C-alpha atoms as a PDB file:
ATOM      1  CA  UNK A   1      69.312  38.030 108.572  1.00  0.00           C
ATOM      2  CA  UNK A   2      65.713  37.796 107.401  1.00  0.00           C
ATOM      3  CA  UNK A   3      64.352  41.275 106.586  1.00  0.00           C
ATOM      4  CA  UNK A   4      60.811  40.013 106.012  1.00  0.00           C
ATOM      5  CA  UNK A   5      58.384  40.667 108.908  1.00  0.00           C
ATOM      6  CA  UNK A   6      57.205  37.516 110.721  1.00  0.00           C
ATOM      7  CA  UNK A   7      53.541  37.761 109.644  1.00  0.00           C
ATOM      8  CA  UNK A   8      54.576  37.992 105.983  1.00  0.00           C
ATOM      9  CA  UNK A   9      57.049  35.113 106.349  1.00  0.00           C
ATOM     10  CA  UNK A  10      54.372  32.995 108.069  1.00  0.00           C
ATOM     11  CA  UNK A  11      52.022  33.418 105.085  1.00  0.00           C
ATOM     12  CA  UNK A  12      54.842  32.685 102.618  1.00  0.00           C
ATOM     13  CA  UNK A  13      55.656  29.496 104.539  1.00  0.00           C
ATOM     14  CA  UNK A  14      52.006  28.368 104.575  1.00  0.00           C
ATOM     15  CA  UNK A  15      51.460  29.087 100.873  1.00  0.00           C
ATOM     16  CA  UNK A  16      54.667  27.230  99.996  1.00  0.00           C
ATOM     17  CA  UNK A  17      53.129  24.075 101.520  1.00  0.00           C
ATOM     18  CA  UNK A  18      50.454  24.022  98.790  1.00  0.00           C
ATOM     19  CA  UNK A  19      51.013  21.625  95.873  1.00  0.00           C
ATOM     20  CA  UNK A  20      52.662  23.301  92.910  1.00  0.00           C
ATOM     21  CA  UNK A  21      53.587  26.412  94.909  1.00  0.00           C
ATOM     22  CA  UNK A  22      57.275  26.871  95.550  1.00  0.00           C
ATOM     23  CA  UNK A  23      58.930  29.479  97.805  1.00  0.00           C
ATOM     24  CA  UNK A  24      59.234  32.096  95.032  1.00  0.00           C
ATOM     25  CA  UNK A  25      55.592  31.751  93.968  1.00  0.00           C
ATOM     26  CA  UNK A  26      54.499  31.866  97.623  1.00  0.00           C
ATOM     27  CA  UNK A  27      56.474  35.069  98.046  1.00  0.00           C
ATOM     28  CA  UNK A  28      54.914  36.643  94.935  1.00  0.00           C
ATOM     29  CA  UNK A  29      51.402  35.666  96.065  1.00  0.00           C
ATOM     30  CA  UNK A  30      51.958  37.088  99.536  1.00  0.00           C
ATOM     31  CA  UNK A  31      53.196  40.428  98.241  1.00  0.00           C
ATOM     32  CA  UNK A  32      50.351  40.519  95.701  1.00  0.00           C
ATOM     33  CA  UNK A  33      47.868  40.047  98.547  1.00  0.00           C
ATOM     34  CA  UNK A  34      49.561  42.821 100.545  1.00  0.00           C
ATOM     35  CA  UNK A  35      49.117  45.255  97.648  1.00  0.00           C
ATOM     36  CA  UNK A  36      45.442  44.315  97.173  1.00  0.00           C
ATOM     37  CA  UNK A  37      42.477  45.805  98.979  1.00  0.00           C
ATOM     38  CA  UNK A  38      41.520  44.689 102.467  1.00  0.00           C
ATOM     39  CA  UNK A  39      38.112  43.723 101.044  1.00  0.00           C
ATOM     40  CA  UNK A  40      39.687  41.210  98.646  1.00  0.00           C
ATOM     41  CA  UNK A  41      41.837  39.793 101.424  1.00  0.00           C
ATOM     42  CA  UNK A  42      38.817  39.333 103.700  1.00  0.00           C
ATOM     43  CA  UNK A  43      36.855  37.575 100.927  1.00  0.00           C
ATOM     44  CA  UNK A  44      39.789  35.232 100.308  1.00  0.00           C
ATOM     45  CA  UNK A  45      40.090  34.512 104.033  1.00  0.00           C
ATOM     46  CA  UNK A  46      36.355  33.770 104.350  1.00  0.00           C
ATOM     47  CA  UNK A  47      36.435  31.498 101.293  1.00  0.00           C
ATOM     48  CA  UNK A  48      39.314  29.489 102.784  1.00  0.00           C
ATOM     49  CA  UNK A  49      37.624  29.228 106.197  1.00  0.00           C
ATOM     50  CA  UNK A  50      34.306  28.198 104.623  1.00  0.00           C
ATOM     51  CA  UNK A  51      35.931  25.224 102.892  1.00  0.00           C
ATOM     52  CA  UNK A  52      35.952  23.182 106.080  1.00  0.00           C
ATOM     53  CA  UNK A  53      32.668  24.593 107.377  1.00  0.00           C
ATOM     54  CA  UNK A  54      30.497  24.097 104.280  1.00  0.00           C
ATOM     55  CA  UNK A  55      32.045  21.224 102.332  1.00  0.00           C
ATOM     56  CA  UNK A  56      31.180  17.635 103.230  1.00  0.00           C
ATOM     57  CA  UNK A  57      31.109  14.225 101.563  1.00  0.00           C
ATOM     58  CA  UNK A  58      28.187  13.254  99.347  1.00  0.00           C
ATOM     59  CA  UNK A  59      26.126  10.622 101.162  1.00  0.00           C
ATOM     60  CA  UNK A  60      25.981   8.548  97.951  1.00  0.00           C
ATOM     61  CA  UNK A  61      29.323   8.802  96.106  1.00  0.00           C
ATOM     62  CA  UNK A  62      31.665  10.356  98.728  1.00  0.00           C
ATOM     63  CA  UNK A  63      32.584  13.281  96.441  1.00  0.00           C
ATOM     64  CA  UNK A  64      32.862  16.781  97.893  1.00  0.00           C
ATOM     65  CA  UNK A  65      29.590  18.693  98.036  1.00  0.00           C
ATOM     66  CA  UNK A  66      27.930  21.564  99.861  1.00  0.00           C
ATOM     67  CA  UNK A  67      24.634  19.634 100.048  1.00  0.00           C
ATOM     68  CA  UNK A  68      23.743  16.177 101.390  1.00  0.00           C
ATOM     69  CA  UNK A  69      23.839  14.716  97.861  1.00  0.00           C
ATOM     70  CA  UNK A  70      26.149  16.088  95.140  1.00  0.00           C
ATOM     71  CA  UNK A  71      24.937  17.458  91.806  1.00  0.00           C
ATOM     72  CA  UNK A  72      26.014  14.367  89.864  1.00  0.00           C
ATOM     73  CA  UNK A  73      24.095  11.967  92.116  1.00  0.00           C
ATOM     74  CA  UNK A  74      21.020  14.245  91.989  1.00  0.00           C
ATOM     75  CA  UNK A  75      21.054  14.403  88.172  1.00  0.00           C
ATOM     76  CA  UNK A  76      18.158  12.274  86.885  1.00  0.00           C
ATOM     77  CA  UNK A  77      19.697  12.188  83.380  1.00  0.00           C
ATOM     78  CA  UNK A  78      22.642  10.072  84.538  1.00  0.00           C
ATOM     79  CA  UNK A  79      23.009   6.354  83.922  1.00  0.00           C
ATOM     80  CA  UNK A  80      23.005   5.106  87.514  1.00  0.00           C
ATOM     81  CA  UNK A  81      23.805   1.554  86.403  1.00  0.00           C
ATOM     82  CA  UNK A  82      27.430   2.505  85.570  1.00  0.00           C
ATOM     83  CA  UNK A  83      29.743   3.569  88.396  1.00  0.00           C
ATOM     84  CA  UNK A  84      33.174   5.001  87.627  1.00  0.00           C
ATOM     85  CA  UNK A  85      35.399   4.470  90.679  1.00  0.00           C
ATOM     86  CA  UNK A  86      38.040   7.190  91.052  1.00  0.00           C
ATOM     87  CA  UNK A  87      40.641   8.008  93.675  1.00  0.00           C
ATOM     88  CA  UNK A  88      40.037  11.724  94.244  1.00  0.00           C
ATOM     89  CA  UNK A  89      37.403  14.426  93.612  1.00  0.00           C
ATOM     90  CA  UNK A  90      39.671  16.030  90.983  1.00  0.00           C
ATOM     91  CA  UNK A  91      39.329  12.812  88.954  1.00  0.00           C
ATOM     92  CA  UNK A  92      35.571  13.449  88.761  1.00  0.00           C
ATOM     93  CA  UNK A  93      36.273  16.903  87.346  1.00  0.00           C
ATOM     94  CA  UNK A  94      38.549  15.353  84.686  1.00  0.00           C
ATOM     95  CA  UNK A  95      35.993  12.699  83.681  1.00  0.00           C
ATOM     96  CA  UNK A  96      33.187  15.259  83.514  1.00  0.00           C
ATOM     97  CA  UNK A  97      35.116  17.012  80.742  1.00  0.00           C
ATOM     98  CA  UNK A  98      34.878  13.822  78.653  1.00  0.00           C
ATOM     99  CA  UNK A  99      31.071  13.803  78.659  1.00  0.00           C
ATOM    100  CA  UNK A 100      30.832  10.625  80.774  1.00  0.00           C
ATOM    101  CA  UNK A 101      27.150  10.180  81.733  1.00  0.00           C
ATOM    102  CA  UNK A 102      27.388   7.487  84.398  1.00  0.00           C
ATOM    103  CA  UNK A 103      27.886   8.179  88.105  1.00  0.00           C
ATOM    104  CA  UNK A 104      30.978   8.108  90.298  1.00  0.00           C
ATOM    105  CA  UNK A 105      32.333   6.747  93.518  1.00  0.00           C
ATOM    106  CA  UNK A 106      35.263   8.608  95.094  1.00  0.00           C
ATOM    107  CA  UNK A 107      37.561   6.439  97.201  1.00  0.00           C
ATOM    108  CA  UNK A 108      39.261   9.367  98.920  1.00  0.00           C
ATOM    109  CA  UNK A 109      42.749   8.098  98.065  1.00  0.00           C
ATOM    110  CA  UNK A 110      44.505   4.892  97.110  1.00  0.00           C
ATOM    111  CA  UNK A 111      45.944   1.957  98.999  1.00  0.00           C
ATOM    112  CA  UNK A 112      49.527   2.876  99.844  1.00  0.00           C
ATOM    113  CA  UNK A 113      51.273   0.975 102.642  1.00  0.00           C
ATOM    114  CA  UNK A 114      54.268   3.320 102.362  1.00  0.00           C
ATOM    115  CA  UNK A 115      51.991   6.281 103.199  1.00  0.00           C
ATOM    116  CA  UNK A 116      50.147   4.258 105.839  1.00  0.00           C
ATOM    117  CA  UNK A 117      46.902   4.158 103.832  1.00  0.00           C
ATOM    118  CA  UNK A 118      45.030   0.861 103.926  1.00  0.00           C
ATOM    119  CA  UNK A 119      41.633  -0.246 102.598  1.00  0.00           C
ATOM    120  CA  UNK A 120      39.899   0.814 105.821  1.00  0.00           C
ATOM    121  CA  UNK A 121      41.067   4.399 105.269  1.00  0.00           C
ATOM    122  CA  UNK A 122      39.158   4.638 101.978  1.00  0.00           C
ATOM    123  CA  UNK A 123      35.442   4.734 101.104  1.00  0.00           C
ATOM    124  CA  UNK A 124      35.432   1.088 100.014  1.00  0.00           C
ATOM    125  CA  UNK A 125      32.700  -0.081 102.437  1.00  0.00           C
ATOM    126  CA  UNK A 126      30.438   2.640 101.030  1.00  0.00           C
ATOM    127  CA  UNK A 127      31.146   1.434  97.480  1.00  0.00           C
ATOM    128  CA  UNK A 128      30.306  -2.170  98.358  1.00  0.00           C
ATOM    129  CA  UNK A 129      27.063  -1.054 100.028  1.00  0.00           C
ATOM    130  CA  UNK A 130      26.088   0.776  96.809  1.00  0.00           C
ATOM    131  CA  UNK A 131      26.884  -2.258  94.707  1.00  0.00           C
ATOM    132  CA  UNK A 132      24.754  -4.540  96.881  1.00  0.00           C
ATOM    133  CA  UNK A 133      21.788  -2.159  97.127  1.00  0.00           C
ATOM    134  CA  UNK A 134      21.663  -0.473  93.717  1.00  0.00           C
ATOM    135  CA  UNK A 135      21.006  -1.959  90.275  1.00  0.00           C
ATOM    136  CA  UNK A 136      24.575  -1.698  88.939  1.00  0.00           C
ATOM    137  CA  UNK A 137      25.571  -3.299  85.622  1.00  0.00           C
ATOM    138  CA  UNK A 138      29.186  -2.083  85.334  1.00  0.00           C
ATOM    139  CA  UNK A 139      31.957  -0.770  87.561  1.00  0.00           C
ATOM    140  CA  UNK A 140      34.764   1.111  85.804  1.00  0.00           C
ATOM    141  CA  UNK A 141      37.974   1.076  87.845  1.00  0.00           C
ATOM    142  CA  UNK A 142      39.605   4.411  87.020  1.00  0.00           C
ATOM    143  CA  UNK A 143      42.546   4.632  89.391  1.00  0.00           C
ATOM    144  CA  UNK A 144      45.902   5.908  88.146  1.00  0.00           C
ATOM    145  CA  UNK A 145      48.073   3.417  86.242  1.00  0.00           C
ATOM    146  CA  UNK A 146      50.844   3.445  88.858  1.00  0.00           C
ATOM    147  CA  UNK A 147      51.753   0.852  91.490  1.00  0.00           C
ATOM    148  CA  UNK A 148      49.331   2.147  94.119  1.00  0.00           C
ATOM    149  CA  UNK A 149      46.518   2.660  91.593  1.00  0.00           C
ATOM    150  CA  UNK A 150      46.966  -0.851  90.201  1.00  0.00           C
ATOM    151  CA  UNK A 151      47.057  -2.315  93.729  1.00  0.00           C
ATOM    152  CA  UNK A 152      43.836  -0.499  94.603  1.00  0.00           C
ATOM    153  CA  UNK A 153      42.133  -1.626  91.373  1.00  0.00           C
ATOM    154  CA  UNK A 154      43.173  -5.243  91.947  1.00  0.00           C
ATOM    155  CA  UNK A 155      41.920  -5.132  95.536  1.00  0.00           C
ATOM    156  CA  UNK A 156      38.559  -3.732  94.387  1.00  0.00           C
ATOM    157  CA  UNK A 157      38.293  -6.280  91.583  1.00  0.00           C
ATOM    158  CA  UNK A 158      38.637  -9.122  94.115  1.00  0.00           C
ATOM    159  CA  UNK A 159      35.894  -7.626  96.276  1.00  0.00           C
ATOM    160  CA  UNK A 160      33.481  -6.868  93.424  1.00  0.00           C
ATOM    161  CA  UNK A 161      33.904 -10.029  91.328  1.00  0.00           C
ATOM    162  CA  UNK A 162      31.771 -12.271  93.619  1.00  0.00           C
ATOM    163  CA  UNK A 163      28.867  -9.819  93.164  1.00  0.00           C
ATOM    164  CA  UNK A 164      28.571 -10.759  89.469  1.00  0.00           C
ATOM    165  CA  UNK A 165      28.888  -7.165  88.236  1.00  0.00           C
ATOM    166  CA  UNK A 166      30.871  -6.431  85.068  1.00  0.00           C
ATOM    167  CA  UNK A 167      34.215  -4.873  86.000  1.00  0.00           C
ATOM    168  CA  UNK A 168      36.201  -2.825  83.475  1.00  0.00           C
ATOM    169  CA  UNK A 169      39.458  -0.900  83.746  1.00  0.00           C
ATOM    170  CA  UNK A 170      40.233   2.349  81.951  1.00  0.00           C
ATOM    171  CA  UNK A 171      42.448   1.823  78.914  1.00  0.00           C
ATOM    172  CA  UNK A 172      46.121   2.663  79.122  1.00  0.00           C
ATOM    173  CA  UNK A 173      48.636   3.370  76.471  1.00  0.00           C
ATOM    174  CA  UNK A 174      50.152   6.163  74.452  1.00  0.00           C
ATOM    175  CA  UNK A 175      48.967   9.738  74.885  1.00  0.00           C
ATOM    176  CA  UNK A 176      47.706  11.682  71.893  1.00  0.00           C
ATOM    177  CA  UNK A 177      50.647  13.508  70.357  1.00  0.00           C
ATOM    178  CA  UNK A 178      53.202  11.171  71.965  1.00  0.00           C
ATOM    179  CA  UNK A 179      56.134   9.664  70.075  1.00  0.00           C
ATOM    180  CA  UNK A 180      56.612   5.890  70.038  1.00  0.00           C
ATOM    181  CA  UNK A 181      60.371   6.173  70.338  1.00  0.00           C
ATOM    182  CA  UNK A 182      60.044   7.853  73.769  1.00  0.00           C
ATOM    183  CA  UNK A 183      57.480   5.420  75.207  1.00  0.00           C
ATOM    184  CA  UNK A 184      58.629   2.921  77.824  1.00  0.00           C
ATOM    185  CA  UNK A 185      58.128  -0.844  77.446  1.00  0.00           C
ATOM    186  CA  UNK A 186      55.224  -1.071  79.880  1.00  0.00           C
ATOM    187  CA  UNK A 187      53.281   1.691  78.126  1.00  0.00           C
ATOM    188  CA  UNK A 188      53.883   0.138  74.703  1.00  0.00           C
ATOM    189  CA  UNK A 189      52.888  -3.313  75.989  1.00  0.00           C
ATOM    190  CA  UNK A 190      49.665  -1.942  77.447  1.00  0.00           C
ATOM    191  CA  UNK A 191      48.873  -0.039  74.273  1.00  0.00           C
ATOM    192  CA  UNK A 192      49.232  -3.271  72.259  1.00  0.00           C
ATOM    193  CA  UNK A 193      47.131  -5.248  74.776  1.00  0.00           C
ATOM    194  CA  UNK A 194      44.432  -2.567  74.838  1.00  0.00           C
ATOM    195  CA  UNK A 195      44.162  -2.207  71.063  1.00  0.00           C
ATOM    196  CA  UNK A 196      40.711  -2.105  69.477  1.00  0.00           C
ATOM    197  CA  UNK A 197      39.120  -2.222  66.039  1.00  0.00           C
ATOM    198  CA  UNK A 198      39.750   0.798  63.855  1.00  0.00           C
END
C-alpha cells in the first residue's frame, strides 16, 4: 500500500524522469519543495513553464537563446571564420570554459539509427547554408568519440569536403590524471595517432 498522496507521488514520478535523478533523489526533492515557502514553489513553477515559452533556437548557430541571435553569435570579438560543430547546447557551455574564441554550430543531436535520428532530424542544412554563405576557414568537428559521434562526424566531413574548407576533429586520447594501464586499446591507439611536438 502506497501511503504517499497522489499529488506528491506524481511529482516524484516526474522528477525521477530527469537525467541523473533517481527515485530516492526525486523523493527528497519533492519533500524539500513541500517544506519550502509557496513563493519559492511558484517561482520554480514559473521558471519551468517559461523554458518553453521564452527559449528558442538561435537563427545563426541553432543554440538555445532567449533572443533571435545568441550572445556568442552577437559577440563582435569572436573569430567567425572558425566554426566548432557540437551535438548539444551543453557542449557549447563546456567549450566556453576552455576560452575558445571561434563560433559554434549546434546540431541538436547526433545521427543514431537505433534512436530513429537521421541527418534530416539535425540542424545540418543550416550548417551547410552557413558554410556556403559565410567566410569560413575551418570547421572543427567536436562530436563525442563514440559510435554515433564518429558516424555524425564522418557524415559531416563528406558533406563539407567538397566546399574546400579545412576540416579538423577534436583530439582524442588519455585524460589528464589517467593511468596508462587502465586505458583501452582504442584510446591508446588514438593517443599515439594524435601525438604532437612537446
